[in-house]
C-alpha atoms as a PDB file:
ATOM      1  CA  MET A   1       0.063   0.039   0.023  1.00  0.00           C
ATOM      2  CA  THR A   2       1.396   3.627  -1.203  1.00  0.00           C
ATOM      3  CA  GLY A   3       0.376   6.927  -0.091  1.00  0.00           C
ATOM      4  CA  PRO A   4      -0.779   9.567  -2.140  1.00  0.00           C
ATOM      5  CA  SER A   5       2.598  10.397  -3.958  1.00  0.00           C
ATOM      6  CA  GLY A   6       3.675   6.881  -4.343  1.00  0.00           C
ATOM      7  CA  SER A   7       5.556   6.593  -1.257  1.00  0.00           C
ATOM      8  CA  PRO A   8       4.594   4.439   1.675  1.00  0.00           C
ATOM      9  CA  PRO A   9       1.997   5.732   4.028  1.00  0.00           C
ATOM     10  CA  PRO A  10       3.352   7.222   7.305  1.00  0.00           C
ATOM     11  CA  GLN A  11       3.735   4.738  10.202  1.00  0.00           C
ATOM     12  CA  ILE A  12       1.192   5.460  12.929  1.00  0.00           C
ATOM     13  CA  GLN A  13       2.821   5.796  16.258  1.00  0.00           C
ATOM     14  CA  SER A  14       1.212   3.865  18.843  1.00  0.00           C
ATOM     15  CA  THR A  15      -0.159   6.086  21.661  1.00  0.00           C
ATOM     16  CA  ARG A  16      -0.700   3.455  24.020  1.00  0.00           C
ATOM     17  CA  ALA A  17       2.211   4.107  26.130  1.00  0.00           C
ATOM     18  CA  ALA A  18       1.632   7.879  25.702  1.00  0.00           C
ATOM     19  CA  VAL A  19      -1.704   7.313  27.408  1.00  0.00           C
ATOM     20  CA  LEU A  20      -1.078   4.479  29.913  1.00  0.00           C
ATOM     21  CA  VAL A  21       1.968   5.836  31.359  1.00  0.00           C
ATOM     22  CA  PRO A  22       0.565   9.221  32.450  1.00  0.00           C
ATOM     23  CA  PHE A  23      -2.542   7.494  33.409  1.00  0.00           C
ATOM     24  CA  GLY A  24      -0.798   5.156  35.837  1.00  0.00           C
ATOM     25  CA  ILE A  25       1.232   7.572  37.202  1.00  0.00           C
ATOM     26  CA  VAL A  26      -1.552   9.860  37.953  1.00  0.00           C
ATOM     27  CA  THR A  27      -3.639   7.097  39.259  1.00  0.00           C
ATOM     28  CA  LEU A  28      -0.791   6.155  41.559  1.00  0.00           C
ATOM     29  CA  ILE A  29      -0.286   9.657  42.899  1.00  0.00           C
ATOM     30  CA  TRP A  30      -4.176  10.573  43.398  1.00  0.00           C
ATOM     31  CA  GLY A  31      -4.828   6.874  44.470  1.00  0.00           C
ATOM     32  CA  SER A  32      -2.468   7.289  47.223  1.00  0.00           C
ATOM     33  CA  THR A  33      -3.573  11.125  48.120  1.00  0.00           C
ATOM     34  CA  TRP A  34      -5.796  10.242  50.903  1.00  0.00           C
ATOM     35  CA  LEU A  35      -3.208   7.800  52.793  1.00  0.00           C
ATOM     36  CA  VAL A  36      -0.520  10.391  52.410  1.00  0.00           C
ATOM     37  CA  ILE A  37      -2.855  13.286  53.787  1.00  0.00           C
ATOM     38  CA  ARG A  38      -3.862  11.176  56.665  1.00  0.00           C
ATOM     39  CA  ASP A  39      -0.017  10.797  57.437  1.00  0.00           C
ATOM     40  CA  GLN A  40       0.814  14.023  56.760  1.00  0.00           C
ATOM     41  CA  ILE A  41      -1.524  15.887  59.114  1.00  0.00           C
ATOM     42  CA  ALA A  42       0.048  13.741  61.940  1.00  0.00           C
ATOM     43  CA  VAL A  43       3.223  15.634  61.794  1.00  0.00           C
ATOM     44  CA  VAL A  44       2.542  19.022  59.705  1.00  0.00           C
ATOM     45  CA  PRO A  45       0.141  21.627  59.702  1.00  0.00           C
ATOM     46  CA  PRO A  46      -2.270  21.308  56.783  1.00  0.00           C
ATOM     47  CA  SER A  47      -1.826  24.495  55.156  1.00  0.00           C
ATOM     48  CA  TRP A  48       2.085  23.952  55.188  1.00  0.00           C
ATOM     49  CA  SER A  49       1.607  20.424  53.731  1.00  0.00           C
ATOM     50  CA  ILE A  50      -0.523  21.616  50.947  1.00  0.00           C
ATOM     51  CA  SER A  51       1.789  24.407  49.872  1.00  0.00           C
ATOM     52  CA  TYR A  52       4.853  22.449  49.561  1.00  0.00           C
ATOM     53  CA  ARG A  53       2.661  19.580  47.994  1.00  0.00           C
ATOM     54  CA  PHE A  54       1.527  22.154  45.233  1.00  0.00           C
ATOM     55  CA  LEU A  55       4.995  24.097  45.221  1.00  0.00           C
ATOM     56  CA  ILE A  56       6.566  20.578  44.158  1.00  0.00           C
ATOM     57  CA  ALA A  57       4.045  20.049  41.550  1.00  0.00           C
ATOM     58  CA  GLY A  58       4.157  23.370  40.261  1.00  0.00           C
ATOM     59  CA  ILE A  59       7.831  22.931  39.728  1.00  0.00           C
ATOM     60  CA  ALA A  60       7.456  19.441  38.135  1.00  0.00           C
ATOM     61  CA  MET A  61       4.782  20.891  35.636  1.00  0.00           C
ATOM     62  CA  ALA A  62       7.205  24.002  34.824  1.00  0.00           C
ATOM     63  CA  ILE A  63      10.038  21.461  34.018  1.00  0.00           C
ATOM     64  CA  TYR A  64       7.801  19.224  31.976  1.00  0.00           C
ATOM     65  CA  ALA A  65       6.742  22.406  29.924  1.00  0.00           C
ATOM     66  CA  ARG A  66      10.198  23.548  29.425  1.00  0.00           C
ATOM     67  CA  VAL A  67      11.319  20.075  28.308  1.00  0.00           C
ATOM     68  CA  LYS A  68       8.409  20.163  25.701  1.00  0.00           C
ATOM     69  CA  ARG A  69       9.016  23.524  24.813  1.00  0.00           C
ATOM     70  CA  GLU A  70       5.749  24.998  25.927  1.00  0.00           C
ATOM     71  CA  SER A  71       5.324  28.304  26.850  1.00  0.00           C
ATOM     72  CA  LEU A  72       4.122  29.491  30.401  1.00  0.00           C
ATOM     73  CA  LEU A  73       3.423  33.063  29.232  1.00  0.00           C
ATOM     74  CA  LEU A  74      -0.381  34.302  29.728  1.00  0.00           C
ATOM     75  CA  ASP A  75      -1.957  37.393  29.188  1.00  0.00           C
ATOM     76  CA  ALA A  76      -3.260  39.288  32.362  1.00  0.00           C
ATOM     77  CA  ARG A  77      -6.976  37.754  31.788  1.00  0.00           C
ATOM     78  CA  GLY A  78      -5.252  34.483  31.738  1.00  0.00           C
ATOM     79  CA  TYR A  79      -3.141  34.953  34.987  1.00  0.00           C
ATOM     80  CA  ALA A  80      -6.480  36.241  36.761  1.00  0.00           C
ATOM     81  CA  PHE A  81      -8.381  33.214  35.763  1.00  0.00           C
ATOM     82  CA  ALA A  82      -5.637  30.965  36.889  1.00  0.00           C
ATOM     83  CA  ALA A  83      -5.354  32.881  40.126  1.00  0.00           C
ATOM     84  CA  VAL A  84      -9.189  32.449  40.823  1.00  0.00           C
ATOM     85  CA  ILE A  85      -9.225  28.703  39.721  1.00  0.00           C
ATOM     86  CA  GLY A  86      -6.134  27.982  41.637  1.00  0.00           C
ATOM     87  CA  THR A  87      -7.634  29.628  44.944  1.00  0.00           C
ATOM     88  CA  ALA A  88     -11.063  28.298  44.334  1.00  0.00           C
ATOM     89  CA  LEU A  89     -10.099  24.775  43.240  1.00  0.00           C
ATOM     90  CA  PHE A  90      -7.004  23.965  44.980  1.00  0.00           C
ATOM     91  CA  ALA A  91      -6.194  26.294  47.898  1.00  0.00           C
ATOM     92  CA  PHE A  92      -9.826  26.174  49.466  1.00  0.00           C
ATOM     93  CA  ASN A  93     -10.650  22.670  48.346  1.00  0.00           C
ATOM     94  CA  PHE A  94      -7.530  21.113  49.810  1.00  0.00           C
ATOM     95  CA  ASN A  95      -7.507  23.093  52.888  1.00  0.00           C
ATOM     96  CA  PHE A  96     -10.910  21.870  53.584  1.00  0.00           C
ATOM     97  CA  VAL A  97      -9.893  17.998  52.637  1.00  0.00           C
ATOM     98  CA  TYR A  98      -7.019  18.001  55.058  1.00  0.00           C
ATOM     99  CA  ARG A  99      -8.947  19.458  57.974  1.00  0.00           C
ATOM    100  CA  ALA A 100     -11.871  17.309  57.129  1.00  0.00           C
ATOM    101  CA  GLU A 101      -9.348  14.229  57.874  1.00  0.00           C
ATOM    102  CA  HIS A 102      -8.921  15.241  61.435  1.00  0.00           C
ATOM    103  CA  TYR A 103     -12.382  14.348  62.135  1.00  0.00           C
ATOM    104  CA  VAL A 104     -13.613  11.501  59.586  1.00  0.00           C
ATOM    105  CA  THR A 105     -11.943   8.775  57.748  1.00  0.00           C
ATOM    106  CA  SER A 106      -9.699   9.190  54.453  1.00  0.00           C
ATOM    107  CA  GLY A 107     -12.056   7.047  52.616  1.00  0.00           C
ATOM    108  CA  LEU A 108     -14.983   9.147  53.498  1.00  0.00           C
ATOM    109  CA  VAL A 109     -13.260  12.322  52.685  1.00  0.00           C
ATOM    110  CA  ALA A 110     -12.152  10.423  49.278  1.00  0.00           C
ATOM    111  CA  VAL A 111     -15.769   9.706  48.439  1.00  0.00           C
ATOM    112  CA  VAL A 112     -17.007  13.239  49.099  1.00  0.00           C
ATOM    113  CA  PHE A 113     -14.440  14.674  47.410  1.00  0.00           C
ATOM    114  CA  ALA A 114     -15.182  12.307  44.135  1.00  0.00           C
ATOM    115  CA  LEU A 115     -18.648  13.718  44.332  1.00  0.00           C
ATOM    116  CA  LEU A 116     -17.031  16.938  42.827  1.00  0.00           C
ATOM    117  CA  LEU A 117     -17.060  15.606  39.566  1.00  0.00           C
ATOM    118  CA  VAL A 118     -20.610  16.418  39.183  1.00  0.00           C
ATOM    119  CA  PRO A 119     -20.468  20.178  39.771  1.00  0.00           C
ATOM    120  CA  ASN A 120     -17.196  20.579  37.873  1.00  0.00           C
ATOM    121  CA  ALA A 121     -19.005  18.995  34.815  1.00  0.00           C
ATOM    122  CA  VAL A 122     -21.982  21.445  35.497  1.00  0.00           C
ATOM    123  CA  PHE A 123     -19.772  24.244  35.918  1.00  0.00           C
ATOM    124  CA  GLY A 124     -17.619  23.435  32.745  1.00  0.00           C
ATOM    125  CA  ARG A 125     -21.036  23.475  31.014  1.00  0.00           C
ATOM    126  CA  ILE A 126     -21.956  27.076  32.348  1.00  0.00           C
ATOM    127  CA  PHE A 127     -18.591  28.765  32.039  1.00  0.00           C
ATOM    128  CA  LEU A 128     -16.754  26.981  29.371  1.00  0.00           C
ATOM    129  CA  GLY A 129     -19.875  25.836  27.276  1.00  0.00           C
ATOM    130  CA  GLN A 130     -18.437  22.200  27.348  1.00  0.00           C
ATOM    131  CA  LYS A 131     -21.143  19.378  26.586  1.00  0.00           C
ATOM    132  CA  LEU A 132     -22.807  17.426  29.343  1.00  0.00           C
ATOM    133  CA  GLY A 133     -23.105  14.220  27.364  1.00  0.00           C
ATOM    134  CA  ARG A 134     -24.124  10.652  28.425  1.00  0.00           C
ATOM    135  CA  GLN A 135     -20.488   9.588  28.421  1.00  0.00           C
ATOM    136  CA  LEU A 136     -19.531  12.130  30.709  1.00  0.00           C
ATOM    137  CA  MET A 137     -22.425  11.419  33.229  1.00  0.00           C
ATOM    138  CA  LEU A 138     -21.593   7.689  33.113  1.00  0.00           C
ATOM    139  CA  GLY A 139     -18.006   8.336  33.631  1.00  0.00           C
ATOM    140  CA  CYS A 140     -18.926  10.492  36.530  1.00  0.00           C
ATOM    141  CA  ALA A 141     -21.115   7.641  38.119  1.00  0.00           C
ATOM    142  CA  VAL A 142     -18.465   4.949  37.285  1.00  0.00           C
ATOM    143  CA  ALA A 143     -15.959   6.834  39.078  1.00  0.00           C
ATOM    144  CA  MET A 144     -18.076   7.770  41.977  1.00  0.00           C
ATOM    145  CA  ALA A 145     -18.855   4.024  42.333  1.00  0.00           C
ATOM    146  CA  GLY A 146     -15.349   3.033  42.388  1.00  0.00           C
ATOM    147  CA  VAL A 147     -14.319   5.425  44.783  1.00  0.00           C
ATOM    148  CA  ALA A 148     -17.267   4.228  47.351  1.00  0.00           C
ATOM    149  CA  LEU A 149     -16.162   0.596  46.420  1.00  0.00           C
ATOM    150  CA  LEU A 150     -12.619   1.613  47.969  1.00  0.00           C
ATOM    151  CA  PHE A 151     -14.303   3.210  50.984  1.00  0.00           C
END
């Protein structure tokens, strides 16, 4: 089989590793988050723990962007949006999560945190115009059920 110019068609590179490796890393890190939080709050104040955790993540992301030659520059509106999202979805969210683990089990906190999938999907529709399809809602349900089974 040849391409349009008589040359062999370009080989399609397998994206399996490009998808599975990052997925595995994220699953490992996020899956252990609840246990790590439980252990951290025993020795480090929640705000400090959150601060150094996200500082390390930010540095890792900046290094990754640099390696991939991605620009980190935003316009003023982009920085404002990032500040609002960072504060609302990370600073507040994780402070509440860390503090909650002082009073309830990490499994229960994980289940409640998983419930955030639904409002996030709704806010994505409202603010970003993203489609709320059956697949998304089914994915949310499966994810929440999976976390509930772990609890």
